[in-house]
């Protein structure tokens, strides 16, 4: 019974959207828009592609609303659609290097209080992003879902279609890879 509780907030909107109520589907989109975009952005590391994938995920959700299983949380269903679209794009994406764009980050204005604090935070962020970039898409995905999206291992397992124990193992391995990568980047 406890598993049905997370799905409850969406049931009324899903039922209304299935009957053709556009405001009900709009409500569904608003409820999961940020996590969907966040997952796409984390996996693709490109704002334009993440935005397009998020839109495509909602379009597919709308087109396949009749296939949605009410016993599953709506957000996890849309997240799984988003994940699959991202993985498809990653498979198709050409291996274009974006190193030239890294230097542009420094010219963009920031709202940081002091230059020193900003430089330190920027260096830490760059180190983390650089270490994350060395990980596989699978490792980035599980870390993003757990730490950025704050999903439980059970929810991640539902999104990825595997057992929670598998997610725990993948999280452990991804954290270890990230830790090793971060320790090799530290100046000695």
C-alpha atoms as a PDB file:
ATOM      1  CA  UNK A   1       0.000   0.000   0.000  1.00  0.00           C
ATOM      2  CA  UNK A   2       2.834   2.412   0.817  1.00  0.00           C
ATOM      3  CA  UNK A   3       4.110   2.080  -2.778  1.00  0.00           C
ATOM      4  CA  UNK A   4       0.823   3.525  -4.095  1.00  0.00           C
ATOM      5  CA  UNK A   5       1.158   6.748  -2.080  1.00  0.00           C
ATOM      6  CA  UNK A   6       3.754   8.469  -4.334  1.00  0.00           C
ATOM      7  CA  UNK A   7       1.605   7.848  -7.433  1.00  0.00           C
ATOM      8  CA  UNK A   8      -1.565   9.289  -5.867  1.00  0.00           C
ATOM      9  CA  UNK A   9      -0.971  13.004  -6.603  1.00  0.00           C
ATOM     10  CA  UNK A  10      -0.839  12.300 -10.340  1.00  0.00           C
ATOM     11  CA  UNK A  11      -3.798   9.956 -10.696  1.00  0.00           C
ATOM     12  CA  UNK A  12      -6.459  12.662 -10.976  1.00  0.00           C
ATOM     13  CA  UNK A  13      -4.445  14.703 -13.484  1.00  0.00           C
ATOM     14  CA  UNK A  14      -3.618  11.594 -15.534  1.00  0.00           C
ATOM     15  CA  UNK A  15      -7.272  10.592 -15.652  1.00  0.00           C
ATOM     16  CA  UNK A  16      -8.314  14.117 -16.684  1.00  0.00           C
ATOM     17  CA  UNK A  17      -5.534  14.327 -19.294  1.00  0.00           C
ATOM     18  CA  UNK A  18      -6.640  10.998 -20.746  1.00  0.00           C
ATOM     19  CA  UNK A  19     -10.117  12.506 -21.139  1.00  0.00           C
ATOM     20  CA  UNK A  20      -8.571  15.387 -23.108  1.00  0.00           C
ATOM     21  CA  UNK A  21      -8.141  18.091 -20.457  1.00  0.00           C
ATOM     22  CA  UNK A  22      -5.057  20.078 -21.566  1.00  0.00           C
ATOM     23  CA  UNK A  23      -4.698  21.878 -18.226  1.00  0.00           C
ATOM     24  CA  UNK A  24      -4.395  18.512 -16.456  1.00  0.00           C
ATOM     25  CA  UNK A  25      -1.471  17.481 -18.660  1.00  0.00           C
ATOM     26  CA  UNK A  26       0.048  20.934 -18.182  1.00  0.00           C
ATOM     27  CA  UNK A  27      -0.118  20.352 -14.429  1.00  0.00           C
ATOM     28  CA  UNK A  28       1.630  17.001 -14.883  1.00  0.00           C
ATOM     29  CA  UNK A  29       4.387  18.645 -16.928  1.00  0.00           C
ATOM     30  CA  UNK A  30       4.901  21.406 -14.351  1.00  0.00           C
ATOM     31  CA  UNK A  31       5.204  18.836 -11.564  1.00  0.00           C
ATOM     32  CA  UNK A  32       8.147  17.025 -13.184  1.00  0.00           C
ATOM     33  CA  UNK A  33       9.636  19.621 -15.535  1.00  0.00           C
ATOM     34  CA  UNK A  34      12.707  20.492 -13.453  1.00  0.00           C
ATOM     35  CA  UNK A  35      13.838  16.940 -12.660  1.00  0.00           C
ATOM     36  CA  UNK A  36      13.315  15.864 -16.280  1.00  0.00           C
ATOM     37  CA  UNK A  37      15.376  18.759 -17.623  1.00  0.00           C
ATOM     38  CA  UNK A  38      17.969  18.245 -14.880  1.00  0.00           C
ATOM     39  CA  UNK A  39      18.451  14.585 -15.773  1.00  0.00           C
ATOM     40  CA  UNK A  40      18.757  15.389 -19.476  1.00  0.00           C
ATOM     41  CA  UNK A  41      21.225  18.183 -18.769  1.00  0.00           C
ATOM     42  CA  UNK A  42      23.342  15.977 -16.528  1.00  0.00           C
ATOM     43  CA  UNK A  43      23.468  13.173 -19.080  1.00  0.00           C
ATOM     44  CA  UNK A  44      23.960  15.311 -22.183  1.00  0.00           C
ATOM     45  CA  UNK A  45      25.941  18.238 -20.712  1.00  0.00           C
ATOM     46  CA  UNK A  46      24.337  20.526 -23.286  1.00  0.00           C
ATOM     47  CA  UNK A  47      21.515  22.931 -22.429  1.00  0.00           C
ATOM     48  CA  UNK A  48      19.993  23.061 -25.919  1.00  0.00           C
ATOM     49  CA  UNK A  49      19.954  19.275 -26.308  1.00  0.00           C
ATOM     50  CA  UNK A  50      18.630  18.842 -22.758  1.00  0.00           C
ATOM     51  CA  UNK A  51      15.800  21.262 -23.490  1.00  0.00           C
ATOM     52  CA  UNK A  52      14.917  19.450 -26.713  1.00  0.00           C
ATOM     53  CA  UNK A  53      15.023  16.048 -25.023  1.00  0.00           C
ATOM     54  CA  UNK A  54      12.806  17.294 -22.174  1.00  0.00           C
ATOM     55  CA  UNK A  55      10.255  18.577 -24.704  1.00  0.00           C
ATOM     56  CA  UNK A  56      10.407  15.305 -26.631  1.00  0.00           C
ATOM     57  CA  UNK A  57       9.951  13.327 -23.398  1.00  0.00           C
ATOM     58  CA  UNK A  58       6.780  15.262 -22.578  1.00  0.00           C
ATOM     59  CA  UNK A  59       5.512  14.858 -26.122  1.00  0.00           C
ATOM     60  CA  UNK A  60       6.076  11.102 -25.933  1.00  0.00           C
ATOM     61  CA  UNK A  61       4.444  10.965 -22.506  1.00  0.00           C
ATOM     62  CA  UNK A  62       1.408  12.773 -23.897  1.00  0.00           C
ATOM     63  CA  UNK A  63       1.222  10.531 -26.954  1.00  0.00           C
ATOM     64  CA  UNK A  64       1.549   7.398 -24.811  1.00  0.00           C
ATOM     65  CA  UNK A  65      -0.527   8.476 -21.829  1.00  0.00           C
ATOM     66  CA  UNK A  66      -2.913   5.615 -22.571  1.00  0.00           C
ATOM     67  CA  UNK A  67       0.002   3.196 -21.928  1.00  0.00           C
ATOM     68  CA  UNK A  68       0.948   4.723 -18.565  1.00  0.00           C
ATOM     69  CA  UNK A  69       0.558   2.272 -15.674  1.00  0.00           C
ATOM     70  CA  UNK A  70      -1.257   4.075 -12.830  1.00  0.00           C
ATOM     71  CA  UNK A  71       0.431   1.823 -10.270  1.00  0.00           C
ATOM     72  CA  UNK A  72       3.806   3.489 -10.991  1.00  0.00           C
ATOM     73  CA  UNK A  73       4.666   7.071 -10.040  1.00  0.00           C
ATOM     74  CA  UNK A  74       4.179   9.389 -13.011  1.00  0.00           C
ATOM     75  CA  UNK A  75       7.491  11.182 -12.465  1.00  0.00           C
ATOM     76  CA  UNK A  76       9.460   7.941 -12.646  1.00  0.00           C
ATOM     77  CA  UNK A  77       7.701   7.005 -15.888  1.00  0.00           C
ATOM     78  CA  UNK A  78       8.606  10.334 -17.511  1.00  0.00           C
ATOM     79  CA  UNK A  79      12.159  10.107 -16.137  1.00  0.00           C
ATOM     80  CA  UNK A  80      12.534   6.684 -17.769  1.00  0.00           C
ATOM     81  CA  UNK A  81      11.325   8.134 -21.088  1.00  0.00           C
ATOM     82  CA  UNK A  82      13.820  10.989 -20.707  1.00  0.00           C
ATOM     83  CA  UNK A  83      16.647   8.602 -19.896  1.00  0.00           C
ATOM     84  CA  UNK A  84      15.937   6.486 -22.953  1.00  0.00           C
ATOM     85  CA  UNK A  85      15.837   9.535 -25.222  1.00  0.00           C
ATOM     86  CA  UNK A  86      19.147  10.753 -23.779  1.00  0.00           C
ATOM     87  CA  UNK A  87      20.802   7.383 -24.283  1.00  0.00           C
ATOM     88  CA  UNK A  88      19.550   7.291 -27.876  1.00  0.00           C
ATOM     89  CA  UNK A  89      21.024  10.730 -28.511  1.00  0.00           C
ATOM     90  CA  UNK A  90      24.327   9.799 -26.864  1.00  0.00           C
ATOM     91  CA  UNK A  91      24.566   6.777 -29.160  1.00  0.00           C
ATOM     92  CA  UNK A  92      23.946   8.965 -32.219  1.00  0.00           C
ATOM     93  CA  UNK A  93      25.994  11.953 -31.138  1.00  0.00           C
ATOM     94  CA  UNK A  94      29.227  12.488 -32.981  1.00  0.00           C
ATOM     95  CA  UNK A  95      32.378  12.735 -30.943  1.00  0.00           C
ATOM     96  CA  UNK A  96      32.811  16.489 -31.340  1.00  0.00           C
ATOM     97  CA  UNK A  97      35.190  18.001 -28.812  1.00  0.00           C
ATOM     98  CA  UNK A  98      33.887  21.031 -26.967  1.00  0.00           C
ATOM     99  CA  UNK A  99      37.152  22.009 -25.302  1.00  0.00           C
ATOM    100  CA  UNK A 100      37.122  25.369 -27.105  1.00  0.00           C
ATOM    101  CA  UNK A 101      33.936  26.281 -25.235  1.00  0.00           C
ATOM    102  CA  UNK A 102      35.524  25.696 -21.812  1.00  0.00           C
ATOM    103  CA  UNK A 103      37.478  28.942 -22.074  1.00  0.00           C
ATOM    104  CA  UNK A 104      34.211  30.847 -22.693  1.00  0.00           C
ATOM    105  CA  UNK A 105      32.969  29.972 -19.193  1.00  0.00           C
ATOM    106  CA  UNK A 106      35.441  32.462 -17.732  1.00  0.00           C
ATOM    107  CA  UNK A 107      34.077  35.414 -19.739  1.00  0.00           C
ATOM    108  CA  UNK A 108      30.466  34.980 -18.739  1.00  0.00           C
ATOM    109  CA  UNK A 109      29.330  37.258 -15.904  1.00  0.00           C
ATOM    110  CA  UNK A 110      28.769  35.736 -12.486  1.00  0.00           C
ATOM    111  CA  UNK A 111      27.010  36.940  -9.359  1.00  0.00           C
ATOM    112  CA  UNK A 112      29.661  35.758  -6.923  1.00  0.00           C
ATOM    113  CA  UNK A 113      30.512  37.933  -3.933  1.00  0.00           C
ATOM    114  CA  UNK A 114      34.300  38.032  -4.248  1.00  0.00           C
ATOM    115  CA  UNK A 115      36.707  37.206  -7.010  1.00  0.00           C
ATOM    116  CA  UNK A 116      38.675  34.876  -4.753  1.00  0.00           C
ATOM    117  CA  UNK A 117      35.593  32.944  -3.608  1.00  0.00           C
ATOM    118  CA  UNK A 118      34.392  32.803  -7.178  1.00  0.00           C
ATOM    119  CA  UNK A 119      37.742  31.498  -8.410  1.00  0.00           C
ATOM    120  CA  UNK A 120      37.851  28.796  -5.738  1.00  0.00           C
ATOM    121  CA  UNK A 121      34.255  27.716  -6.360  1.00  0.00           C
ATOM    122  CA  UNK A 122      34.841  27.759 -10.119  1.00  0.00           C
ATOM    123  CA  UNK A 123      37.986  25.630  -9.768  1.00  0.00           C
ATOM    124  CA  UNK A 124      36.164  23.130  -7.557  1.00  0.00           C
ATOM    125  CA  UNK A 125      33.243  22.979  -9.986  1.00  0.00           C
ATOM    126  CA  UNK A 126      35.569  22.567 -12.949  1.00  0.00           C
ATOM    127  CA  UNK A 127      37.468  19.798 -11.166  1.00  0.00           C
ATOM    128  CA  UNK A 128      34.230  18.005 -10.351  1.00  0.00           C
ATOM    129  CA  UNK A 129      32.840  18.461 -13.877  1.00  0.00           C
ATOM    130  CA  UNK A 130      36.145  17.315 -15.391  1.00  0.00           C
ATOM    131  CA  UNK A 131      36.154  14.236 -13.183  1.00  0.00           C
ATOM    132  CA  UNK A 132      32.492  13.545 -14.018  1.00  0.00           C
ATOM    133  CA  UNK A 133      33.257  13.905 -17.727  1.00  0.00           C
ATOM    134  CA  UNK A 134      35.725  11.017 -17.488  1.00  0.00           C
ATOM    135  CA  UNK A 135      32.994   8.713 -16.199  1.00  0.00           C
ATOM    136  CA  UNK A 136      30.725   6.731 -18.471  1.00  0.00           C
ATOM    137  CA  UNK A 137      27.210   7.974 -19.191  1.00  0.00           C
ATOM    138  CA  UNK A 138      25.892   5.147 -16.985  1.00  0.00           C
ATOM    139  CA  UNK A 139      27.997   6.298 -14.029  1.00  0.00           C
ATOM    140  CA  UNK A 140      27.041   9.978 -14.526  1.00  0.00           C
ATOM    141  CA  UNK A 141      23.407   8.967 -14.803  1.00  0.00           C
ATOM    142  CA  UNK A 142      23.251   7.034 -11.536  1.00  0.00           C
ATOM    143  CA  UNK A 143      25.182   9.766  -9.674  1.00  0.00           C
ATOM    144  CA  UNK A 144      22.907  12.482 -11.074  1.00  0.00           C
ATOM    145  CA  UNK A 145      19.731  10.623 -10.178  1.00  0.00           C
ATOM    146  CA  UNK A 146      20.935   9.933  -6.651  1.00  0.00           C
ATOM    147  CA  UNK A 147      22.738  13.163  -5.717  1.00  0.00           C
ATOM    148  CA  UNK A 148      21.194  15.816  -7.954  1.00  0.00           C
ATOM    149  CA  UNK A 149      17.646  14.490  -8.318  1.00  0.00           C
ATOM    150  CA  UNK A 150      17.683  13.088  -4.746  1.00  0.00           C
ATOM    151  CA  UNK A 151      16.055   9.847  -5.915  1.00  0.00           C
ATOM    152  CA  UNK A 152      16.074   6.724  -3.769  1.00  0.00           C
ATOM    153  CA  UNK A 153      17.784   3.588  -5.007  1.00  0.00           C
ATOM    154  CA  UNK A 154      14.337   2.044  -5.417  1.00  0.00           C
ATOM    155  CA  UNK A 155      13.161   4.933  -7.620  1.00  0.00           C
ATOM    156  CA  UNK A 156      16.367   4.815  -9.662  1.00  0.00           C
ATOM    157  CA  UNK A 157      15.881   1.076 -10.116  1.00  0.00           C
ATOM    158  CA  UNK A 158      12.383   1.736 -11.482  1.00  0.00           C
ATOM    159  CA  UNK A 159      13.696   4.388 -13.875  1.00  0.00           C
ATOM    160  CA  UNK A 160      16.547   2.206 -15.112  1.00  0.00           C
ATOM    161  CA  UNK A 161      14.597  -1.044 -15.062  1.00  0.00           C
ATOM    162  CA  UNK A 162      16.863  -3.035 -12.761  1.00  0.00           C
ATOM    163  CA  UNK A 163      17.071  -4.211  -9.143  1.00  0.00           C
ATOM    164  CA  UNK A 164      17.764  -1.774  -6.263  1.00  0.00           C
ATOM    165  CA  UNK A 165      20.809  -3.862  -5.308  1.00  0.00           C
ATOM    166  CA  UNK A 166      22.226  -3.270  -8.774  1.00  0.00           C
ATOM    167  CA  UNK A 167      21.774   0.471  -8.274  1.00  0.00           C
ATOM    168  CA  UNK A 168      23.565   0.331  -4.935  1.00  0.00           C
ATOM    169  CA  UNK A 169      26.490  -1.472  -6.572  1.00  0.00           C
ATOM    170  CA  UNK A 170      26.549   0.982  -9.495  1.00  0.00           C
ATOM    171  CA  UNK A 171      26.490   3.940  -7.082  1.00  0.00           C
ATOM    172  CA  UNK A 172      29.373   2.474  -5.109  1.00  0.00           C
ATOM    173  CA  UNK A 173      31.468   1.874  -8.238  1.00  0.00           C
ATOM    174  CA  UNK A 174      30.660   5.306  -9.688  1.00  0.00           C
ATOM    175  CA  UNK A 175      31.588   7.036  -6.410  1.00  0.00           C
ATOM    176  CA  UNK A 176      34.856   5.095  -6.275  1.00  0.00           C
ATOM    177  CA  UNK A 177      35.707   6.047  -9.861  1.00  0.00           C
ATOM    178  CA  UNK A 178      34.860   9.687  -9.130  1.00  0.00           C
ATOM    179  CA  UNK A 179      36.901   9.655  -5.903  1.00  0.00           C
ATOM    180  CA  UNK A 180      39.925   8.174  -7.689  1.00  0.00           C
ATOM    181  CA  UNK A 181      39.603  10.674 -10.527  1.00  0.00           C
ATOM    182  CA  UNK A 182      39.329  13.597  -8.109  1.00  0.00           C
ATOM    183  CA  UNK A 183      42.357  12.441  -6.107  1.00  0.00           C
ATOM    184  CA  UNK A 184      44.493  12.158  -9.271  1.00  0.00           C
ATOM    185  CA  UNK A 185      43.564  15.723 -10.252  1.00  0.00           C
ATOM    186  CA  UNK A 186      44.599  17.258  -6.918  1.00  0.00           C
ATOM    187  CA  UNK A 187      47.914  19.102  -7.048  1.00  0.00           C
ATOM    188  CA  UNK A 188      50.702  17.431  -5.076  1.00  0.00           C
END
